[in-house]
């Protein structure tokens, strides 16, 4: 999260969140030790991203500035949770890098 007065106001006024992130003037970042404990409780040791996409699949962008555009998957990066989609803009295919959550398979 990019911490601004507005974004911190939203977080600070969300029920049951301030005890987790701290109730001071600014949020307190988690220590790596605390993150490891949380992941251990979930049974995960590392972050893994999975999506049922392959190069050449047609997808619809569900979020962001390119919302509702369709494109063809050019590259899938499971380690970063990113997908590169070729979107036709102004008669040319333009590569757009998106999160897995921003695309839906058609």
PDB file of N, CA and C in Angstrom:
ATOM      1  N   UNK A   1       0.839  -1.171   0.000  1.00  0.00           N
ATOM      2  CA  UNK A   1       0.000   0.000   0.000  1.00  0.00           C
ATOM      3  C   UNK A   1       0.882   1.231   0.000  1.00  0.00           C
ATOM      4  N   UNK A   2       0.523   2.194  -0.790  1.00  0.00           N
ATOM      5  CA  UNK A   2       1.181   3.487  -0.757  1.00  0.00           C
ATOM      6  C   UNK A   2       0.501   4.282   0.346  1.00  0.00           C
ATOM      7  N   UNK A   3       1.258   4.626   1.384  1.00  0.00           N
ATOM      8  CA  UNK A   3       0.672   5.263   2.554  1.00  0.00           C
ATOM      9  C   UNK A   3       0.544   6.768   2.326  1.00  0.00           C
ATOM     10  N   UNK A   4      -0.698   7.198   2.225  1.00  0.00           N
ATOM     11  CA  UNK A   4      -1.019   8.619   2.186  1.00  0.00           C
ATOM     12  C   UNK A   4      -1.996   8.877   3.321  1.00  0.00           C
ATOM     13  N   UNK A   5      -2.304  10.131   3.568  1.00  0.00           N
ATOM     14  CA  UNK A   5      -3.267  10.431   4.622  1.00  0.00           C
ATOM     15  C   UNK A   5      -4.610   9.778   4.331  1.00  0.00           C
ATOM     16  N   UNK A   6      -5.044   9.796   3.068  1.00  0.00           N
ATOM     17  CA  UNK A   6      -6.339   9.215   2.705  1.00  0.00           C
ATOM     18  C   UNK A   6      -6.339   7.697   2.837  1.00  0.00           C
ATOM     19  N   UNK A   7      -5.280   7.034   2.325  1.00  0.00           N
ATOM     20  CA  UNK A   7      -5.260   5.572   2.398  1.00  0.00           C
ATOM     21  C   UNK A   7      -5.128   5.098   3.844  1.00  0.00           C
ATOM     22  N   UNK A   8      -4.347   5.791   4.645  1.00  0.00           N
ATOM     23  CA  UNK A   8      -4.198   5.415   6.048  1.00  0.00           C
ATOM     24  C   UNK A   8      -5.506   5.657   6.808  1.00  0.00           C
ATOM     25  N   UNK A   9      -6.263   6.689   6.442  1.00  0.00           N
ATOM     26  CA  UNK A   9      -7.557   6.957   7.061  1.00  0.00           C
ATOM     27  C   UNK A   9      -8.511   5.780   6.834  1.00  0.00           C
ATOM     28  N   UNK A  10      -8.529   5.255   5.597  1.00  0.00           N
ATOM     29  CA  UNK A  10      -9.409   4.129   5.279  1.00  0.00           C
ATOM     30  C   UNK A  10      -9.015   2.902   6.100  1.00  0.00           C
ATOM     31  N   UNK A  11      -7.727   2.607   6.160  1.00  0.00           N
ATOM     32  CA  UNK A  11      -7.262   1.445   6.912  1.00  0.00           C
ATOM     33  C   UNK A  11      -7.539   1.632   8.408  1.00  0.00           C
ATOM     34  N   UNK A  12      -7.234   2.788   8.907  1.00  0.00           N
ATOM     35  CA  UNK A  12      -7.390   3.074  10.332  1.00  0.00           C
ATOM     36  C   UNK A  12      -8.853   2.987  10.774  1.00  0.00           C
ATOM     37  N   UNK A  13      -9.780   3.281   9.897  1.00  0.00           N
ATOM     38  CA  UNK A  13     -11.191   3.268  10.244  1.00  0.00           C
ATOM     39  C   UNK A  13     -11.919   2.009   9.794  1.00  0.00           C
ATOM     40  N   UNK A  14     -11.171   0.963   9.446  1.00  0.00           N
ATOM     41  CA  UNK A  14     -11.762  -0.325   9.113  1.00  0.00           C
ATOM     42  C   UNK A  14     -11.789  -1.174  10.382  1.00  0.00           C
ATOM     43  N   UNK A  15     -12.956  -1.680  10.765  1.00  0.00           N
ATOM     44  CA  UNK A  15     -13.048  -2.464  12.002  1.00  0.00           C
ATOM     45  C   UNK A  15     -12.099  -3.653  12.022  1.00  0.00           C
ATOM     46  N   UNK A  16     -11.471  -3.876  13.158  1.00  0.00           N
ATOM     47  CA  UNK A  16     -10.570  -5.003  13.445  1.00  0.00           C
ATOM     48  C   UNK A  16      -9.262  -4.977  12.670  1.00  0.00           C
ATOM     49  N   UNK A  17      -8.935  -3.868  12.052  1.00  0.00           N
ATOM     50  CA  UNK A  17      -7.677  -3.790  11.304  1.00  0.00           C
ATOM     51  C   UNK A  17      -6.612  -3.052  12.098  1.00  0.00           C
ATOM     52  N   UNK A  18      -6.986  -2.035  12.833  1.00  0.00           N
ATOM     53  CA  UNK A  18      -5.983  -1.206  13.508  1.00  0.00           C
ATOM     54  C   UNK A  18      -5.169  -1.988  14.522  1.00  0.00           C
ATOM     55  N   UNK A  19      -5.753  -2.993  15.148  1.00  0.00           N
ATOM     56  CA  UNK A  19      -4.981  -3.803  16.081  1.00  0.00           C
ATOM     57  C   UNK A  19      -3.910  -4.610  15.374  1.00  0.00           C
ATOM     58  N   UNK A  20      -4.148  -4.920  14.118  1.00  0.00           N
ATOM     59  CA  UNK A  20      -3.193  -5.716  13.344  1.00  0.00           C
ATOM     60  C   UNK A  20      -2.064  -4.857  12.793  1.00  0.00           C
ATOM     61  N   UNK A  21      -2.377  -3.685  12.239  1.00  0.00           N
ATOM     62  CA  UNK A  21      -1.352  -2.849  11.621  1.00  0.00           C
ATOM     63  C   UNK A  21      -0.822  -1.776  12.555  1.00  0.00           C
ATOM     64  N   UNK A  22      -1.384  -1.666  13.743  1.00  0.00           N
ATOM     65  CA  UNK A  22      -0.954  -0.653  14.696  1.00  0.00           C
ATOM     66  C   UNK A  22      -1.904   0.523  14.672  1.00  0.00           C
ATOM     67  N   UNK A  23      -2.062   1.158  15.800  1.00  0.00           N
ATOM     68  CA  UNK A  23      -3.037   2.241  15.892  1.00  0.00           C
ATOM     69  C   UNK A  23      -2.382   3.606  15.990  1.00  0.00           C
ATOM     70  N   UNK A  24      -1.103   3.692  15.726  1.00  0.00           N
ATOM     71  CA  UNK A  24      -0.393   4.965  15.820  1.00  0.00           C
ATOM     72  C   UNK A  24      -0.669   5.865  14.635  1.00  0.00           C
ATOM     73  N   UNK A  25       0.180   6.862  14.472  1.00  0.00           N
ATOM     74  CA  UNK A  25       0.039   7.821  13.389  1.00  0.00           C
ATOM     75  C   UNK A  25       0.312   7.172  12.038  1.00  0.00           C
ATOM     76  N   UNK A  26       1.246   6.245  12.003  1.00  0.00           N
ATOM     77  CA  UNK A  26       1.591   5.550  10.759  1.00  0.00           C
ATOM     78  C   UNK A  26       1.595   4.046  11.009  1.00  0.00           C
ATOM     79  N   UNK A  27       1.290   3.249   9.978  1.00  0.00           N
ATOM     80  CA  UNK A  27       1.273   1.790  10.164  1.00  0.00           C
ATOM     81  C   UNK A  27       2.667   1.259  10.464  1.00  0.00           C
ATOM     82  N   UNK A  28       2.690   0.163  11.202  1.00  0.00           N
ATOM     83  CA  UNK A  28       3.944  -0.466  11.574  1.00  0.00           C
ATOM     84  C   UNK A  28       4.165  -1.653  10.645  1.00  0.00           C
ATOM     85  N   UNK A  29       5.266  -1.676   9.889  1.00  0.00           N
ATOM     86  CA  UNK A  29       5.494  -2.814   8.984  1.00  0.00           C
ATOM     87  C   UNK A  29       5.764  -4.096   9.775  1.00  0.00           C
ATOM     88  N   UNK A  30       5.346  -5.219   9.197  1.00  0.00           N
ATOM     89  CA  UNK A  30       5.597  -6.510   9.821  1.00  0.00           C
ATOM     90  C   UNK A  30       7.059  -6.881   9.684  1.00  0.00           C
ATOM     91  N   UNK A  31       7.573  -7.536  10.703  1.00  0.00           N
ATOM     92  CA  UNK A  31       8.934  -8.069  10.631  1.00  0.00           C
ATOM     93  C   UNK A  31       8.899  -9.367   9.829  1.00  0.00           C
ATOM     94  N   UNK A  32      10.002  -9.730   9.216  1.00  0.00           N
ATOM     95  CA  UNK A  32      10.070 -10.965   8.435  1.00  0.00           C
ATOM     96  C   UNK A  32       9.725 -12.167   9.307  1.00  0.00           C
ATOM     97  N   UNK A  33      10.120 -12.122  10.575  1.00  0.00           N
ATOM     98  CA  UNK A  33       9.816 -13.206  11.504  1.00  0.00           C
ATOM     99  C   UNK A  33       8.300 -13.369  11.654  1.00  0.00           C
ATOM    100  N   UNK A  34       7.572 -12.266  11.748  1.00  0.00           N
ATOM    101  CA  UNK A  34       6.116 -12.309  11.875  1.00  0.00           C
ATOM    102  C   UNK A  34       5.464 -12.854  10.603  1.00  0.00           C
ATOM    103  N   UNK A  35       5.998 -12.476   9.455  1.00  0.00           N
ATOM    104  CA  UNK A  35       5.482 -12.977   8.174  1.00  0.00           C
ATOM    105  C   UNK A  35       5.697 -14.478   8.083  1.00  0.00           C
ATOM    106  N   UNK A  36       6.877 -14.937   8.488  1.00  0.00           N
ATOM    107  CA  UNK A  36       7.172 -16.369   8.457  1.00  0.00           C
ATOM    108  C   UNK A  36       6.212 -17.155   9.354  1.00  0.00           C
ATOM    109  N   UNK A  37       5.872 -16.598  10.508  1.00  0.00           N
ATOM    110  CA  UNK A  37       4.930 -17.258  11.417  1.00  0.00           C
ATOM    111  C   UNK A  37       3.551 -17.366  10.764  1.00  0.00           C
ATOM    112  N   UNK A  38       3.097 -16.274  10.130  1.00  0.00           N
ATOM    113  CA  UNK A  38       1.794 -16.291   9.459  1.00  0.00           C
ATOM    114  C   UNK A  38       1.753 -17.323   8.336  1.00  0.00           C
ATOM    115  N   UNK A  39       2.801 -17.353   7.509  1.00  0.00           N
ATOM    116  CA  UNK A  39       2.850 -18.336   6.420  1.00  0.00           C
ATOM    117  C   UNK A  39       2.935 -19.752   6.971  1.00  0.00           C
ATOM    118  N   UNK A  40       3.636 -19.925   8.089  1.00  0.00           N
ATOM    119  CA  UNK A  40       3.723 -21.244   8.721  1.00  0.00           C
ATOM    120  C   UNK A  40       2.372 -21.731   9.194  1.00  0.00           C
ATOM    121  N   UNK A  41       1.563 -20.827   9.731  1.00  0.00           N
ATOM    122  CA  UNK A  41       0.214 -21.190  10.183  1.00  0.00           C
ATOM    123  C   UNK A  41      -0.674 -21.591   9.011  1.00  0.00           C
ATOM    124  N   UNK A  42      -0.427 -20.998   7.855  1.00  0.00           N
ATOM    125  CA  UNK A  42      -1.229 -21.309   6.672  1.00  0.00           C
ATOM    126  C   UNK A  42      -0.742 -22.573   5.979  1.00  0.00           C
ATOM    127  N   UNK A  43       0.404 -23.095   6.416  1.00  0.00           N
ATOM    128  CA  UNK A  43       0.953 -24.285   5.788  1.00  0.00           C
ATOM    129  C   UNK A  43       1.723 -23.977   4.520  1.00  0.00           C
ATOM    130  N   UNK A  44       2.051 -22.724   4.310  1.00  0.00           N
ATOM    131  CA  UNK A  44       2.797 -22.322   3.114  1.00  0.00           C
ATOM    132  C   UNK A  44       4.160 -21.794   3.546  1.00  0.00           C
ATOM    133  N   UNK A  45       5.177 -22.144   2.798  1.00  0.00           N
ATOM    134  CA  UNK A  45       6.513 -21.658   3.112  1.00  0.00           C
ATOM    135  C   UNK A  45       6.959 -20.575   2.140  1.00  0.00           C
ATOM    136  N   UNK A  46       6.341 -20.520   0.978  1.00  0.00           N
ATOM    137  CA  UNK A  46       6.669 -19.485   0.010  1.00  0.00           C
ATOM    138  C   UNK A  46       5.419 -19.109  -0.773  1.00  0.00           C
ATOM    139  N   UNK A  47       5.451 -17.945  -1.356  1.00  0.00           N
ATOM    140  CA  UNK A  47       4.304 -17.472  -2.120  1.00  0.00           C
ATOM    141  C   UNK A  47       4.298 -18.175  -3.476  1.00  0.00           C
ATOM    142  N   UNK A  48       3.145 -18.751  -3.826  1.00  0.00           N
ATOM    143  CA  UNK A  48       3.020 -19.430  -5.114  1.00  0.00           C
ATOM    144  C   UNK A  48       1.798 -18.885  -5.828  1.00  0.00           C
ATOM    145  N   UNK A  49       1.975 -18.573  -7.093  1.00  0.00           N
ATOM    146  CA  UNK A  49       0.879 -18.085  -7.922  1.00  0.00           C
ATOM    147  C   UNK A  49       0.549 -19.152  -8.950  1.00  0.00           C
ATOM    148  N   UNK A  50      -0.727 -19.410  -9.098  1.00  0.00           N
ATOM    149  CA  UNK A  50      -1.127 -20.364 -10.124  1.00  0.00           C
ATOM    150  C   UNK A  50      -2.294 -19.791 -10.911  1.00  0.00           C
ATOM    151  N   UNK A  51      -2.271 -20.053 -12.191  1.00  0.00           N
ATOM    152  CA  UNK A  51      -3.361 -19.625 -13.058  1.00  0.00           C
ATOM    153  C   UNK A  51      -3.409 -20.579 -14.236  1.00  0.00           C
ATOM    154  N   UNK A  52      -4.593 -20.795 -14.735  1.00  0.00           N
ATOM    155  CA  UNK A  52      -4.784 -21.726 -15.849  1.00  0.00           C
ATOM    156  C   UNK A  52      -4.705 -20.960 -17.168  1.00  0.00           C
ATOM    157  N   UNK A  53      -3.530 -20.448 -17.467  1.00  0.00           N
ATOM    158  CA  UNK A  53      -3.293 -19.730 -18.723  1.00  0.00           C
ATOM    159  C   UNK A  53      -2.032 -20.251 -19.377  1.00  0.00           C
ATOM    160  N   UNK A  54      -2.028 -20.191 -20.677  1.00  0.00           N
ATOM    161  CA  UNK A  54      -0.840 -20.563 -21.439  1.00  0.00           C
ATOM    162  C   UNK A  54      -0.671 -19.553 -22.567  1.00  0.00           C
ATOM    163  N   UNK A  55       0.514 -19.524 -23.134  1.00  0.00           N
ATOM    164  CA  UNK A  55       0.771 -18.619 -24.254  1.00  0.00           C
ATOM    165  C   UNK A  55      -0.216 -18.905 -25.376  1.00  0.00           C
ATOM    166  N   UNK A  56      -0.780 -17.829 -25.936  1.00  0.00           N
ATOM    167  CA  UNK A  56      -1.723 -17.958 -27.026  1.00  0.00           C
ATOM    168  C   UNK A  56      -3.184 -17.924 -26.596  1.00  0.00           C
ATOM    169  N   UNK A  57      -3.458 -18.088 -25.300  1.00  0.00           N
ATOM    170  CA  UNK A  57      -4.840 -18.023 -24.816  1.00  0.00           C
ATOM    171  C   UNK A  57      -5.392 -16.610 -24.970  1.00  0.00           C
ATOM    172  N   UNK A  58      -6.688 -16.526 -25.222  1.00  0.00           N
ATOM    173  CA  UNK A  58      -7.362 -15.236 -25.324  1.00  0.00           C
ATOM    174  C   UNK A  58      -7.954 -14.909 -23.950  1.00  0.00           C
ATOM    175  N   UNK A  59      -7.706 -13.688 -23.479  1.00  0.00           N
ATOM    176  CA  UNK A  59      -8.183 -13.261 -22.168  1.00  0.00           C
ATOM    177  C   UNK A  59      -8.885 -11.914 -22.278  1.00  0.00           C
ATOM    178  N   UNK A  60      -9.696 -11.636 -21.272  1.00  0.00           N
ATOM    179  CA  UNK A  60     -10.334 -10.335 -21.154  1.00  0.00           C
ATOM    180  C   UNK A  60      -9.769  -9.670 -19.906  1.00  0.00           C
ATOM    181  N   UNK A  61      -9.384  -8.414 -20.029  1.00  0.00           N
ATOM    182  CA  UNK A  61      -8.822  -7.684 -18.897  1.00  0.00           C
ATOM    183  C   UNK A  61      -9.978  -7.214 -18.020  1.00  0.00           C
ATOM    184  N   UNK A  62      -9.921  -7.576 -16.731  1.00  0.00           N
ATOM    185  CA  UNK A  62     -11.028  -7.325 -15.817  1.00  0.00           C
ATOM    186  C   UNK A  62     -10.808  -6.119 -14.918  1.00  0.00           C
ATOM    187  N   UNK A  63      -9.592  -5.563 -14.908  1.00  0.00           N
ATOM    188  CA  UNK A  63      -9.307  -4.476 -13.979  1.00  0.00           C
ATOM    189  C   UNK A  63      -8.179  -3.614 -14.523  1.00  0.00           C
ATOM    190  N   UNK A  64      -8.161  -2.366 -14.121  1.00  0.00           N
ATOM    191  CA  UNK A  64      -7.089  -1.465 -14.507  1.00  0.00           C
ATOM    192  C   UNK A  64      -7.465  -0.590 -15.683  1.00  0.00           C
ATOM    193  N   UNK A  65      -6.491   0.151 -16.205  1.00  0.00           N
ATOM    194  CA  UNK A  65      -6.779   1.094 -17.282  1.00  0.00           C
ATOM    195  C   UNK A  65      -7.183   0.439 -18.603  1.00  0.00           C
ATOM    196  N   UNK A  66      -6.895  -0.845 -18.775  1.00  0.00           N
ATOM    197  CA  UNK A  66      -7.240  -1.548 -20.007  1.00  0.00           C
ATOM    198  C   UNK A  66      -8.468  -2.436 -19.817  1.00  0.00           C
ATOM    199  N   UNK A  67      -9.271  -2.159 -18.802  1.00  0.00           N
ATOM    200  CA  UNK A  67     -10.447  -2.957 -18.465  1.00  0.00           C
ATOM    201  C   UNK A  67     -11.357  -3.134 -19.687  1.00  0.00           C
ATOM    202  N   UNK A  68     -11.879  -4.338 -19.830  1.00  0.00           N
ATOM    203  CA  UNK A  68     -12.809  -4.757 -20.881  1.00  0.00           C
ATOM    204  C   UNK A  68     -12.163  -4.962 -22.245  1.00  0.00           C
ATOM    205  N   UNK A  69     -10.860  -4.791 -22.368  1.00  0.00           N
ATOM    206  CA  UNK A  69     -10.181  -5.094 -23.629  1.00  0.00           C
ATOM    207  C   UNK A  69      -9.816  -6.574 -23.652  1.00  0.00           C
ATOM    208  N   UNK A  70      -9.760  -7.125 -24.843  1.00  0.00           N
ATOM    209  CA  UNK A  70      -9.347  -8.508 -25.011  1.00  0.00           C
ATOM    210  C   UNK A  70      -7.941  -8.537 -25.585  1.00  0.00           C
ATOM    211  N   UNK A  71      -7.223  -9.604 -25.271  1.00  0.00           N
ATOM    212  CA  UNK A  71      -5.871  -9.743 -25.785  1.00  0.00           C
ATOM    213  C   UNK A  71      -5.435 -11.189 -25.776  1.00  0.00           C
ATOM    214  N   UNK A  72      -4.237 -11.401 -26.305  1.00  0.00           N
ATOM    215  CA  UNK A  72      -3.654 -12.746 -26.396  1.00  0.00           C
ATOM    216  C   UNK A  72      -2.472 -12.824 -25.450  1.00  0.00           C
ATOM    217  N   UNK A  73      -2.402 -13.894 -24.671  1.00  0.00           N
ATOM    218  CA  UNK A  73      -1.316 -14.088 -23.711  1.00  0.00           C
ATOM    219  C   UNK A  73      -0.016 -14.327 -24.462  1.00  0.00           C
ATOM    220  N   UNK A  74       0.986 -13.505 -24.151  1.00  0.00           N
ATOM    221  CA  UNK A  74       2.296 -13.650 -24.778  1.00  0.00           C
ATOM    222  C   UNK A  74       3.279 -14.347 -23.843  1.00  0.00           C
ATOM    223  N   UNK A  75       3.088 -14.173 -22.528  1.00  0.00           N
ATOM    224  CA  UNK A  75       4.048 -14.723 -21.568  1.00  0.00           C
ATOM    225  C   UNK A  75       3.364 -14.870 -20.214  1.00  0.00           C
ATOM    226  N   UNK A  76       3.669 -15.945 -19.500  1.00  0.00           N
ATOM    227  CA  UNK A  76       3.144 -16.169 -18.154  1.00  0.00           C
ATOM    228  C   UNK A  76       4.328 -16.319 -17.210  1.00  0.00           C
ATOM    229  N   UNK A  77       4.360 -15.515 -16.142  1.00  0.00           N
ATOM    230  CA  UNK A  77       5.435 -15.573 -15.149  1.00  0.00           C
ATOM    231  C   UNK A  77       4.828 -16.004 -13.816  1.00  0.00           C
ATOM    232  N   UNK A  78       4.862 -17.319 -13.544  1.00  0.00           N
ATOM    233  CA  UNK A  78       4.276 -17.860 -12.318  1.00  0.00           C
ATOM    234  C   UNK A  78       4.987 -17.361 -11.066  1.00  0.00           C
ATOM    235  N   UNK A  79       6.291 -17.141 -11.145  1.00  0.00           N
ATOM    236  CA  UNK A  79       7.033 -16.740  -9.953  1.00  0.00           C
ATOM    237  C   UNK A  79       6.644 -15.348  -9.465  1.00  0.00           C
ATOM    238  N   UNK A  80       6.277 -14.467 -10.371  1.00  0.00           N
ATOM    239  CA  UNK A  80       5.898 -13.097  -9.998  1.00  0.00           C
ATOM    240  C   UNK A  80       4.385 -12.890  -9.987  1.00  0.00           C
ATOM    241  N   UNK A  81       3.637 -13.847 -10.511  1.00  0.00           N
ATOM    242  CA  UNK A  81       2.193 -13.694 -10.578  1.00  0.00           C
ATOM    243  C   UNK A  81       1.765 -12.701 -11.643  1.00  0.00           C
ATOM    244  N   UNK A  82       2.545 -12.625 -12.717  1.00  0.00           N
ATOM    245  CA  UNK A  82       2.276 -11.665 -13.791  1.00  0.00           C
ATOM    246  C   UNK A  82       2.025 -12.393 -15.106  1.00  0.00           C
ATOM    247  N   UNK A  83       1.293 -11.717 -15.967  1.00  0.00           N
ATOM    248  CA  UNK A  83       1.043 -12.236 -17.309  1.00  0.00           C
ATOM    249  C   UNK A  83       1.198 -11.072 -18.287  1.00  0.00           C
ATOM    250  N   UNK A  84       1.853 -11.338 -19.410  1.00  0.00           N
ATOM    251  CA  UNK A  84       2.007 -10.313 -20.443  1.00  0.00           C
ATOM    252  C   UNK A  84       0.982 -10.598 -21.526  1.00  0.00           C
ATOM    253  N   UNK A  85       0.132  -9.604 -21.787  1.00  0.00           N
ATOM    254  CA  UNK A  85      -0.959  -9.747 -22.748  1.00  0.00           C
ATOM    255  C   UNK A  85      -0.735  -8.775 -23.900  1.00  0.00           C
ATOM    256  N   UNK A  86      -0.909  -9.262 -25.124  1.00  0.00           N
ATOM    257  CA  UNK A  86      -0.824  -8.412 -26.307  1.00  0.00           C
ATOM    258  C   UNK A  86      -2.206  -7.869 -26.607  1.00  0.00           C
ATOM    259  N   UNK A  87      -2.358  -6.547 -26.469  1.00  0.00           N
ATOM    260  CA  UNK A  87      -3.642  -5.878 -26.665  1.00  0.00           C
ATOM    261  C   UNK A  87      -3.555  -5.070 -27.949  1.00  0.00           C
ATOM    262  N   UNK A  88      -4.594  -5.160 -28.784  1.00  0.00           N
ATOM    263  CA  UNK A  88      -4.621  -4.423 -30.034  1.00  0.00           C
ATOM    264  C   UNK A  88      -5.075  -2.990 -29.763  1.00  0.00           C
ATOM    265  N   UNK A  89      -4.132  -2.048 -29.899  1.00  0.00           N
ATOM    266  CA  UNK A  89      -4.438  -0.627 -29.717  1.00  0.00           C
ATOM    267  C   UNK A  89      -3.910   0.139 -30.914  1.00  0.00           C
ATOM    268  N   UNK A  90      -4.765   0.923 -31.528  1.00  0.00           N
ATOM    269  CA  UNK A  90      -4.401   1.746 -32.671  1.00  0.00           C
ATOM    270  C   UNK A  90      -3.811   0.920 -33.805  1.00  0.00           C
ATOM    271  N   UNK A  91      -4.345  -0.291 -33.998  1.00  0.00           N
ATOM    272  CA  UNK A  91      -3.912  -1.143 -35.096  1.00  0.00           C
ATOM    273  C   UNK A  91      -2.625  -1.898 -34.849  1.00  0.00           C
ATOM    274  N   UNK A  92      -2.102  -1.843 -33.623  1.00  0.00           N
ATOM    275  CA  UNK A  92      -0.869  -2.564 -33.291  1.00  0.00           C
ATOM    276  C   UNK A  92      -1.062  -3.376 -32.029  1.00  0.00           C
ATOM    277  N   UNK A  93      -0.361  -4.490 -31.945  1.00  0.00           N
ATOM    278  CA  UNK A  93      -0.379  -5.275 -30.717  1.00  0.00           C
ATOM    279  C   UNK A  93       0.623  -4.665 -29.741  1.00  0.00           C
ATOM    280  N   UNK A  94       0.122  -4.288 -28.590  1.00  0.00           N
ATOM    281  CA  UNK A  94       0.942  -3.643 -27.566  1.00  0.00           C
ATOM    282  C   UNK A  94       1.012  -4.553 -26.347  1.00  0.00           C
ATOM    283  N   UNK A  95       2.226  -4.872 -25.859  1.00  0.00           N
ATOM    284  CA  UNK A  95       2.328  -5.731 -24.678  1.00  0.00           C
ATOM    285  C   UNK A  95       1.961  -4.965 -23.405  1.00  0.00           C
ATOM    286  N   UNK A  96       1.146  -5.597 -22.569  1.00  0.00           N
ATOM    287  CA  UNK A  96       0.712  -5.023 -21.306  1.00  0.00           C
ATOM    288  C   UNK A  96       0.973  -6.060 -20.224  1.00  0.00           C
ATOM    289  N   UNK A  97       1.698  -5.681 -19.165  1.00  0.00           N
ATOM    290  CA  UNK A  97       1.968  -6.605 -18.072  1.00  0.00           C
ATOM    291  C   UNK A  97       0.918  -6.418 -16.990  1.00  0.00           C
ATOM    292  N   UNK A  98       0.265  -7.522 -16.617  1.00  0.00           N
ATOM    293  CA  UNK A  98      -0.831  -7.482 -15.660  1.00  0.00           C
ATOM    294  C   UNK A  98      -0.645  -8.547 -14.589  1.00  0.00           C
ATOM    295  N   UNK A  99      -1.320  -8.351 -13.449  1.00  0.00           N
ATOM    296  CA  UNK A  99      -1.378  -9.381 -12.421  1.00  0.00           C
ATOM    297  C   UNK A  99      -2.353 -10.461 -12.847  1.00  0.00           C
ATOM    298  N   UNK A 100      -2.196 -11.654 -12.288  1.00  0.00           N
ATOM    299  CA  UNK A 100      -3.118 -12.748 -12.588  1.00  0.00           C
ATOM    300  C   UNK A 100      -4.561 -12.368 -12.274  1.00  0.00           C
ATOM    301  N   UNK A 101      -4.748 -11.562 -11.242  1.00  0.00           N
ATOM    302  CA  UNK A 101      -6.108 -11.181 -10.829  1.00  0.00           C
ATOM    303  C   UNK A 101      -6.779 -10.208 -11.790  1.00  0.00           C
ATOM    304  N   UNK A 102      -6.021  -9.620 -12.692  1.00  0.00           N
ATOM    305  CA  UNK A 102      -6.558  -8.624 -13.601  1.00  0.00           C
ATOM    306  C   UNK A 102      -7.069  -9.203 -14.915  1.00  0.00           C
ATOM    307  N   UNK A 103      -6.910 -10.502 -15.124  1.00  0.00           N
ATOM    308  CA  UNK A 103      -7.336 -11.110 -16.396  1.00  0.00           C
ATOM    309  C   UNK A 103      -8.276 -12.284 -16.146  1.00  0.00           C
ATOM    310  N   UNK A 104      -9.150 -12.514 -17.125  1.00  0.00           N
ATOM    311  CA  UNK A 104     -10.053 -13.667 -17.096  1.00  0.00           C
ATOM    312  C   UNK A 104      -9.949 -14.376 -18.433  1.00  0.00           C
ATOM    313  N   UNK A 105      -9.836 -15.686 -18.377  1.00  0.00           N
ATOM    314  CA  UNK A 105      -9.755 -16.488 -19.589  1.00  0.00           C
ATOM    315  C   UNK A 105     -11.111 -16.525 -20.270  1.00  0.00           C
ATOM    316  N   UNK A 106     -11.101 -16.386 -21.592  1.00  0.00           N
ATOM    317  CA  UNK A 106     -12.356 -16.429 -22.357  1.00  0.00           C
ATOM    318  C   UNK A 106     -12.575 -17.832 -22.866  1.00  0.00           C
TER     319      UNK A 106
END
